[in-house]
């Protein structure tokens, strides 16, 4: 029953574009692993905001991974863009919250 509530919350967060501060748990070549309500989610590198996007020469995957690893342990302001209970998949983006904050300033 608890899982159903969590996924209902996730659907609501996607609809509302709720901004949340989540800790980066680990990095891989595709992006960052973050956790929400005990469920692992993914923040693709392509969804990172301009401050954290890994700009490296020639798209060197090792350098990208090194840049992403520097974010492990940090909290990022993200929005959930996909919540798929069947696939047990959460996808996040850092672009939404940053752009909202910049517009408000």
N, C-alpha and C. Protein backbone atom coordinates (compact mmCIF):
# COMPACT_ATOMS: atom_id res chain seq x y z
N UNK A 1 0.84 -1.21 0.00
CA UNK A 1 0.00 0.00 0.00
C UNK A 1 0.87 1.26 0.00
N UNK A 2 1.97 1.20 0.75
CA UNK A 2 2.86 2.36 0.82
C UNK A 2 3.42 2.70 -0.57
N UNK A 3 3.79 1.65 -1.32
CA UNK A 3 4.32 1.88 -2.67
C UNK A 3 3.31 2.61 -3.54
N UNK A 4 2.04 2.21 -3.44
CA UNK A 4 0.99 2.85 -4.24
C UNK A 4 0.89 4.34 -3.92
N UNK A 5 1.01 4.67 -2.63
CA UNK A 5 0.97 6.07 -2.22
C UNK A 5 2.16 6.85 -2.77
N UNK A 6 3.32 6.22 -2.71
CA UNK A 6 4.54 6.87 -3.23
C UNK A 6 4.38 7.17 -4.72
N UNK A 7 3.88 6.19 -5.48
CA UNK A 7 3.72 6.39 -6.92
C UNK A 7 2.64 7.43 -7.21
N UNK A 8 1.60 7.49 -6.37
CA UNK A 8 0.58 8.53 -6.53
C UNK A 8 1.21 9.91 -6.29
N UNK A 9 2.07 10.00 -5.26
CA UNK A 9 2.81 11.24 -4.99
C UNK A 9 3.70 11.61 -6.18
N UNK A 10 4.33 10.59 -6.76
CA UNK A 10 5.22 10.82 -7.90
C UNK A 10 4.43 11.38 -9.08
N UNK A 11 3.28 10.78 -9.37
CA UNK A 11 2.44 11.28 -10.47
C UNK A 11 2.05 12.74 -10.24
N UNK A 12 1.71 13.04 -9.00
CA UNK A 12 1.32 14.40 -8.63
C UNK A 12 2.50 15.37 -8.81
N UNK A 13 3.69 14.93 -8.41
CA UNK A 13 4.89 15.76 -8.53
C UNK A 13 5.19 16.06 -10.00
N UNK A 14 4.98 15.06 -10.87
CA UNK A 14 5.21 15.27 -12.31
C UNK A 14 4.21 16.31 -12.84
N UNK A 15 2.94 16.13 -12.49
CA UNK A 15 1.88 17.04 -12.97
C UNK A 15 2.13 18.48 -12.51
N UNK A 16 2.52 18.62 -11.26
CA UNK A 16 2.68 19.96 -10.68
C UNK A 16 4.04 20.59 -10.98
N UNK A 17 5.01 19.77 -11.39
CA UNK A 17 6.36 20.30 -11.58
C UNK A 17 6.99 20.69 -10.25
N UNK A 18 6.70 19.88 -9.22
CA UNK A 18 7.19 20.16 -7.88
C UNK A 18 8.72 20.15 -7.85
N UNK A 19 9.30 21.23 -7.33
CA UNK A 19 10.76 21.31 -7.21
C UNK A 19 11.17 20.64 -5.91
N UNK A 20 12.15 19.74 -6.00
CA UNK A 20 12.64 19.07 -4.80
C UNK A 20 14.16 19.07 -4.78
N UNK A 21 14.71 19.09 -3.58
CA UNK A 21 16.16 19.04 -3.42
C UNK A 21 16.54 17.61 -3.06
N UNK A 22 17.26 16.96 -3.98
CA UNK A 22 17.61 15.55 -3.77
C UNK A 22 19.11 15.35 -3.86
N UNK A 23 19.59 14.40 -3.08
CA UNK A 23 21.03 14.11 -3.05
C UNK A 23 21.42 13.19 -4.19
N UNK A 24 22.55 13.51 -4.81
CA UNK A 24 23.11 12.66 -5.86
C UNK A 24 23.78 11.47 -5.17
N UNK A 25 23.35 10.26 -5.50
CA UNK A 25 23.88 9.04 -4.87
C UNK A 25 25.10 8.51 -5.61
N UNK A 26 25.03 8.51 -6.94
CA UNK A 26 26.17 8.04 -7.73
C UNK A 26 26.07 8.59 -9.14
N UNK A 27 27.15 8.41 -9.89
CA UNK A 27 27.20 8.90 -11.27
C UNK A 27 27.57 7.76 -12.19
N UNK A 28 27.06 7.82 -13.41
CA UNK A 28 27.53 6.91 -14.45
C UNK A 28 27.69 7.74 -15.72
N UNK A 29 28.12 7.11 -16.80
CA UNK A 29 28.42 7.89 -18.01
C UNK A 29 27.19 8.58 -18.59
N UNK A 30 26.00 8.07 -18.25
CA UNK A 30 24.78 8.67 -18.80
C UNK A 30 24.20 9.79 -17.97
N UNK A 31 24.59 9.86 -16.69
CA UNK A 31 24.01 10.88 -15.83
C UNK A 31 24.17 10.53 -14.36
N UNK A 32 23.18 10.92 -13.57
CA UNK A 32 23.27 10.79 -12.12
C UNK A 32 22.14 9.93 -11.56
N UNK A 33 22.45 9.18 -10.52
CA UNK A 33 21.45 8.40 -9.80
C UNK A 33 21.08 9.19 -8.55
N UNK A 34 19.79 9.46 -8.39
CA UNK A 34 19.31 10.14 -7.20
C UNK A 34 18.17 9.32 -6.61
N UNK A 35 17.89 9.56 -5.35
CA UNK A 35 16.88 8.75 -4.69
C UNK A 35 15.75 9.63 -4.19
N UNK A 36 14.52 9.16 -4.38
CA UNK A 36 13.35 9.87 -3.90
C UNK A 36 12.42 8.87 -3.23
N UNK A 37 12.08 9.09 -1.97
CA UNK A 37 11.18 8.20 -1.23
C UNK A 37 11.63 6.73 -1.29
N UNK A 38 12.94 6.52 -1.29
CA UNK A 38 13.46 5.16 -1.31
C UNK A 38 13.50 4.52 -2.69
N UNK A 39 13.11 5.26 -3.71
CA UNK A 39 13.14 4.73 -5.09
C UNK A 39 14.27 5.41 -5.84
N UNK A 40 15.07 4.60 -6.53
CA UNK A 40 16.17 5.18 -7.30
C UNK A 40 15.62 5.84 -8.56
N UNK A 41 16.10 7.03 -8.82
CA UNK A 41 15.71 7.74 -10.02
C UNK A 41 16.95 8.11 -10.82
N UNK A 42 16.73 8.56 -12.03
CA UNK A 42 17.83 8.89 -12.93
C UNK A 42 17.70 10.33 -13.39
N UNK A 43 18.82 11.02 -13.37
CA UNK A 43 18.90 12.38 -13.90
C UNK A 43 19.88 12.33 -15.07
N UNK A 44 19.36 12.25 -16.31
CA UNK A 44 20.26 12.16 -17.47
C UNK A 44 21.14 13.40 -17.58
N UNK A 45 22.36 13.22 -18.02
CA UNK A 45 23.28 14.35 -18.17
C UNK A 45 22.65 15.44 -19.03
N UNK A 46 21.87 15.04 -20.04
CA UNK A 46 21.23 16.02 -20.94
C UNK A 46 20.21 16.89 -20.21
N UNK A 47 19.76 16.44 -19.02
CA UNK A 47 18.77 17.19 -18.25
C UNK A 47 19.41 18.03 -17.13
N UNK A 48 20.73 18.06 -17.09
CA UNK A 48 21.41 18.89 -16.08
C UNK A 48 21.32 20.36 -16.48
N UNK A 49 21.20 21.22 -15.49
CA UNK A 49 21.20 22.66 -15.75
C UNK A 49 22.58 23.12 -16.20
N UNK A 50 22.65 24.35 -16.68
CA UNK A 50 23.90 24.85 -17.25
C UNK A 50 25.06 24.86 -16.26
N UNK A 51 24.78 25.08 -14.96
CA UNK A 51 25.86 25.12 -13.97
C UNK A 51 26.54 23.77 -13.80
N UNK A 52 25.78 22.69 -13.90
CA UNK A 52 26.32 21.36 -13.62
C UNK A 52 26.58 20.52 -14.86
N UNK A 53 26.19 21.03 -16.03
CA UNK A 53 26.37 20.23 -17.24
C UNK A 53 27.86 20.05 -17.51
N UNK A 54 28.29 18.79 -17.72
CA UNK A 54 29.73 18.54 -17.91
C UNK A 54 30.21 18.95 -19.30
N UNK A 55 30.86 20.11 -19.39
CA UNK A 55 31.42 20.55 -20.67
C UNK A 55 32.84 20.03 -20.75
N UNK A 56 33.05 19.09 -21.67
CA UNK A 56 34.40 18.52 -21.80
C UNK A 56 34.79 18.49 -23.27
N UNK A 57 36.10 18.47 -23.51
CA UNK A 57 36.61 18.44 -24.88
C UNK A 57 36.22 17.14 -25.57
N UNK A 58 35.79 17.24 -26.80
CA UNK A 58 35.50 16.08 -27.66
C UNK A 58 34.49 15.10 -27.04
N UNK A 59 33.70 15.55 -26.09
CA UNK A 59 32.73 14.64 -25.47
C UNK A 59 33.38 13.42 -24.86
N UNK A 60 34.58 13.57 -24.31
CA UNK A 60 35.34 12.46 -23.71
C UNK A 60 34.54 11.85 -22.55
N UNK A 61 34.12 10.59 -22.72
CA UNK A 61 33.24 9.94 -21.74
C UNK A 61 33.88 9.84 -20.35
N UNK A 62 35.19 9.62 -20.29
CA UNK A 62 35.86 9.52 -18.99
C UNK A 62 35.84 10.87 -18.27
N UNK A 63 36.05 11.94 -19.05
CA UNK A 63 36.03 13.29 -18.45
C UNK A 63 34.61 13.65 -18.02
N UNK A 64 33.62 13.22 -18.81
CA UNK A 64 32.22 13.47 -18.44
C UNK A 64 31.93 12.77 -17.12
N UNK A 65 32.34 11.51 -17.02
CA UNK A 65 32.10 10.74 -15.79
C UNK A 65 32.80 11.42 -14.61
N UNK A 66 34.02 11.90 -14.82
CA UNK A 66 34.75 12.59 -13.76
C UNK A 66 33.98 13.84 -13.30
N UNK A 67 33.47 14.59 -14.27
CA UNK A 67 32.70 15.81 -13.95
C UNK A 67 31.43 15.45 -13.19
N UNK A 68 30.76 14.38 -13.63
CA UNK A 68 29.52 13.97 -12.96
C UNK A 68 29.81 13.45 -11.55
N UNK A 69 30.93 12.74 -11.39
CA UNK A 69 31.30 12.22 -10.07
C UNK A 69 31.48 13.34 -9.05
N UNK A 70 31.88 14.52 -9.52
CA UNK A 70 32.08 15.64 -8.59
C UNK A 70 30.76 16.11 -7.98
N UNK A 71 29.63 15.67 -8.56
CA UNK A 71 28.31 16.07 -8.03
C UNK A 71 27.77 15.08 -7.00
N UNK A 72 28.42 13.91 -6.87
CA UNK A 72 27.95 12.91 -5.91
C UNK A 72 28.01 13.48 -4.49
N UNK A 73 26.93 13.32 -3.74
CA UNK A 73 26.86 13.84 -2.38
C UNK A 73 26.25 15.23 -2.29
N UNK A 74 26.14 15.92 -3.43
CA UNK A 74 25.54 17.25 -3.44
C UNK A 74 24.02 17.13 -3.60
N UNK A 75 23.32 18.14 -3.15
CA UNK A 75 21.88 18.21 -3.35
C UNK A 75 21.60 19.11 -4.55
N UNK A 76 20.75 18.64 -5.44
CA UNK A 76 20.37 19.42 -6.61
C UNK A 76 18.87 19.70 -6.56
N UNK A 77 18.47 20.85 -7.05
CA UNK A 77 17.05 21.17 -7.18
C UNK A 77 16.57 20.60 -8.50
N UNK A 78 15.65 19.66 -8.41
CA UNK A 78 15.20 18.96 -9.61
C UNK A 78 13.67 18.88 -9.63
N UNK A 79 13.14 18.59 -10.82
CA UNK A 79 11.73 18.26 -10.97
C UNK A 79 11.66 16.86 -11.56
N UNK A 80 10.61 16.15 -11.20
CA UNK A 80 10.39 14.81 -11.74
C UNK A 80 9.69 14.99 -13.08
N UNK A 81 10.23 14.40 -14.15
CA UNK A 81 9.58 14.55 -15.45
C UNK A 81 8.90 13.27 -15.91
N UNK A 82 9.28 12.13 -15.33
CA UNK A 82 8.63 10.86 -15.65
C UNK A 82 8.52 10.02 -14.38
N UNK A 83 7.34 9.45 -14.17
CA UNK A 83 7.13 8.51 -13.07
C UNK A 83 6.38 7.32 -13.67
N UNK A 84 7.07 6.20 -13.83
CA UNK A 84 6.49 5.02 -14.45
C UNK A 84 6.51 3.87 -13.46
N UNK A 85 5.37 3.62 -12.84
CA UNK A 85 5.30 2.59 -11.81
C UNK A 85 5.55 1.20 -12.38
N UNK A 86 5.02 0.92 -13.58
CA UNK A 86 5.21 -0.41 -14.18
C UNK A 86 6.69 -0.71 -14.39
N UNK A 87 7.41 0.29 -14.89
CA UNK A 87 8.84 0.11 -15.16
C UNK A 87 9.68 0.39 -13.91
N UNK A 88 9.03 0.87 -12.86
CA UNK A 88 9.71 1.26 -11.62
C UNK A 88 10.80 2.28 -11.93
N UNK A 89 10.38 3.33 -12.66
CA UNK A 89 11.35 4.27 -13.19
C UNK A 89 10.94 5.70 -12.87
N UNK A 90 11.88 6.45 -12.34
CA UNK A 90 11.70 7.88 -12.11
C UNK A 90 12.79 8.62 -12.90
N UNK A 91 12.38 9.62 -13.66
CA UNK A 91 13.34 10.43 -14.40
C UNK A 91 13.20 11.87 -13.92
N UNK A 92 14.34 12.50 -13.67
CA UNK A 92 14.36 13.86 -13.15
C UNK A 92 15.05 14.80 -14.13
N UNK A 93 14.79 16.09 -13.96
CA UNK A 93 15.46 17.12 -14.74
C UNK A 93 15.86 18.26 -13.80
N UNK A 94 17.02 18.81 -14.04
CA UNK A 94 17.46 19.97 -13.27
C UNK A 94 17.12 21.26 -14.03
N UNK A 95 16.72 21.13 -15.28
CA UNK A 95 16.50 22.32 -16.12
C UNK A 95 15.31 23.15 -15.66
N UNK A 96 14.20 22.51 -15.35
CA UNK A 96 13.00 23.24 -14.95
C UNK A 96 13.21 24.19 -13.79
N UNK A 97 13.67 23.68 -12.62
CA UNK A 97 13.81 24.54 -11.45
C UNK A 97 14.77 25.70 -11.65
N UNK A 98 15.90 25.44 -12.31
CA UNK A 98 16.88 26.51 -12.50
C UNK A 98 16.30 27.62 -13.35
N UNK A 99 15.60 27.23 -14.43
CA UNK A 99 15.04 28.24 -15.32
C UNK A 99 13.97 29.05 -14.60
N UNK A 100 13.17 28.38 -13.75
CA UNK A 100 12.15 29.09 -12.98
C UNK A 100 12.81 30.11 -12.05
N UNK A 101 13.87 29.68 -11.37
CA UNK A 101 14.56 30.57 -10.43
C UNK A 101 15.14 31.77 -11.16
N UNK A 102 15.73 31.53 -12.35
CA UNK A 102 16.34 32.62 -13.09
C UNK A 102 15.29 33.63 -13.54
N UNK A 103 14.11 33.15 -13.94
CA UNK A 103 13.04 34.04 -14.38
C UNK A 103 12.54 34.91 -13.23
N UNK A 104 12.55 34.36 -12.02
CA UNK A 104 12.03 35.08 -10.86
C UNK A 104 12.96 36.19 -10.39
N UNK A 105 14.25 36.06 -10.69
CA UNK A 105 15.23 37.03 -10.18
C UNK A 105 15.08 38.39 -10.86
